[in-house]
Amino acid sequence: MQVEVSGEVLAGLVGRYFLGAEIPAVESWRSPLEEMHARMLTGNLETKGYWTDLYRARRDTAAVLNTGMADDLERVIGELSSSEEENLALIMFQSSGFGYMTWVSQDFSFVVSCIRVSDKRIRK
């Protein structure tokens, strides 16, 4: 199912996530989130199992191809797996050659996990 959230709401949720997370990436998210602040962002709502299965497969592919993403994806999988939420929304956006993926609770009250990835398809 498709869902929508304002960039302003997502920016607040991501900010709170980084306050509690042991990930020193908040600076790499600041400018892109400011760009998205006034926009509505769309995403997909699926079960936690759907997301964990999908990203386990992507982690395995990343490990085989030695892309350097396997460890980051392992962290995401761990956070998704440990969530008590049954359904999670994945909100994605692009900025400056990177893809930003954020999994949030169905009621948009908190971020479960997020990751920034370099995407050769959008790099310029």
Protein backbone atom coordinates (compact mmCIF):
# COMPACT_ATOMS: atom_id res chain seq x y z
CA MET A 1 0.00 0.00 0.00
CA GLN A 2 1.30 3.46 -0.85
CA VAL A 3 1.60 6.07 1.91
CA GLU A 4 2.49 9.77 2.08
CA VAL A 5 4.35 11.81 4.66
CA SER A 6 5.53 15.40 4.63
CA GLY A 7 9.24 16.05 4.41
CA GLU A 8 8.89 18.17 7.54
CA VAL A 9 7.52 15.22 9.54
CA LEU A 10 10.17 12.86 8.15
CA ALA A 11 12.96 15.32 9.00
CA GLY A 12 11.77 15.46 12.60
CA LEU A 13 11.58 11.68 12.87
CA VAL A 14 15.05 11.19 11.38
CA GLY A 15 16.47 13.82 13.72
CA ARG A 16 15.10 11.95 16.74
CA TYR A 17 16.41 8.65 15.34
CA PHE A 18 19.94 9.99 15.06
CA LEU A 19 19.81 11.32 18.64
CA GLY A 20 19.45 7.75 19.89
CA ALA A 21 21.41 5.89 17.25
CA GLU A 22 25.10 5.12 17.30
CA ILE A 23 25.45 6.16 13.66
CA PRO A 24 27.58 9.26 12.96
CA ALA A 25 25.65 10.08 9.78
CA VAL A 26 23.32 12.87 10.84
CA GLU A 27 25.32 15.52 8.95
CA SER A 28 25.01 13.63 5.66
CA TRP A 29 21.20 13.73 6.07
CA ARG A 30 20.81 17.37 7.16
CA SER A 31 20.92 19.13 3.77
CA PRO A 32 18.85 16.54 1.84
CA LEU A 33 16.17 16.60 4.55
CA GLU A 34 16.05 20.39 4.40
CA GLU A 35 15.53 20.12 0.63
CA MET A 36 12.62 17.70 1.22
CA HIS A 37 11.12 19.77 4.06
CA ALA A 38 8.31 21.34 2.01
CA ARG A 39 7.54 18.29 -0.13
CA MET A 40 5.22 15.36 0.30
CA LEU A 41 7.09 12.07 0.06
CA THR A 42 5.56 8.76 -0.90
CA GLY A 43 6.51 5.31 0.22
CA ASN A 44 5.29 1.77 0.57
CA LEU A 45 3.77 0.06 3.59
CA GLU A 46 4.64 -3.63 3.89
CA THR A 47 5.10 -6.20 6.63
CA LYS A 48 8.31 -6.27 8.61
CA GLY A 49 8.94 -9.76 7.21
CA TYR A 50 8.71 -8.47 3.65
CA TRP A 51 11.36 -5.80 4.30
CA THR A 52 13.71 -8.08 6.21
CA ASP A 53 13.54 -10.81 3.54
CA LEU A 54 14.12 -8.28 0.75
CA TYR A 55 17.10 -6.65 2.43
CA ARG A 56 18.64 -9.97 3.49
CA ALA A 57 18.74 -10.85 -0.21
CA ARG A 58 20.27 -7.46 -1.01
CA ARG A 59 22.83 -7.89 1.78
CA ASP A 60 23.81 -11.29 0.40
CA THR A 61 24.21 -9.84 -3.09
CA ALA A 62 26.26 -6.94 -1.71
CA ALA A 63 28.53 -9.41 0.10
CA VAL A 64 29.08 -11.51 -3.02
CA LEU A 65 29.74 -8.44 -5.18
CA ASN A 66 31.89 -6.85 -2.44
CA THR A 67 30.11 -3.50 -2.79
CA GLY A 68 30.89 -2.43 0.77
CA MET A 69 27.20 -2.26 1.69
CA ALA A 70 26.82 -5.62 3.45
CA ASP A 71 27.66 -4.27 6.92
CA ASP A 72 25.27 -1.31 6.59
CA LEU A 73 22.51 -3.61 5.34
CA GLU A 74 23.17 -5.99 8.23
CA ARG A 75 22.56 -3.10 10.64
CA VAL A 76 19.31 -2.22 8.85
CA ILE A 77 18.15 -5.85 8.93
CA GLY A 78 18.91 -6.03 12.65
CA GLU A 79 16.92 -2.88 13.37
CA LEU A 80 14.00 -3.99 11.22
CA SER A 81 13.99 -7.47 12.77
CA SER A 82 14.02 -6.16 16.33
CA SER A 83 11.15 -3.76 15.73
CA GLU A 84 7.89 -4.60 17.48
CA GLU A 85 5.95 -3.10 14.57
CA GLU A 86 4.15 -5.54 12.27
CA ASN A 87 4.04 -3.11 9.33
CA LEU A 88 6.68 -0.61 8.30
CA ALA A 89 6.64 2.14 5.71
CA LEU A 90 9.71 2.67 3.54
CA ILE A 91 10.11 6.28 2.45
CA MET A 92 12.81 6.91 -0.17
CA PHE A 93 14.15 10.02 -1.82
CA GLN A 94 17.20 11.04 -3.84
CA SER A 95 19.56 13.97 -3.43
CA SER A 96 23.05 14.76 -4.77
CA GLY A 97 23.71 11.27 -6.13
CA PHE A 98 22.57 9.41 -3.04
CA GLY A 99 19.48 7.43 -2.20
CA TYR A 100 17.97 7.90 1.25
CA MET A 101 15.83 5.09 2.67
CA THR A 102 13.91 5.44 5.91
CA TRP A 103 11.70 2.78 7.50
CA VAL A 104 9.11 4.32 9.80
CA SER A 105 6.32 2.99 11.99
CA GLN A 106 2.93 2.71 10.34
CA ASP A 107 1.63 5.67 12.36
CA PHE A 108 4.70 7.79 11.47
CA SER A 109 5.65 8.21 15.13
CA PHE A 110 9.26 6.98 14.89
CA VAL A 111 12.04 5.78 12.58
CA VAL A 112 12.97 2.11 12.83
CA SER A 113 16.01 2.31 10.55
CA CYS A 114 17.52 4.38 7.80
CA ILE A 115 20.41 4.22 5.37
CA ARG A 116 22.05 6.45 2.79
CA VAL A 117 23.47 4.73 -0.27
CA SER A 118 25.46 5.87 -3.25
CA ASP A 119 23.52 5.08 -6.40
CA LYS A 120 25.45 5.00 -9.65
CA ARG A 121 22.16 5.33 -11.54
CA ILE A 122 21.57 8.77 -10.02
CA ARG A 123 25.17 9.99 -9.65
CA LYS A 124 26.00 12.86 -11.96
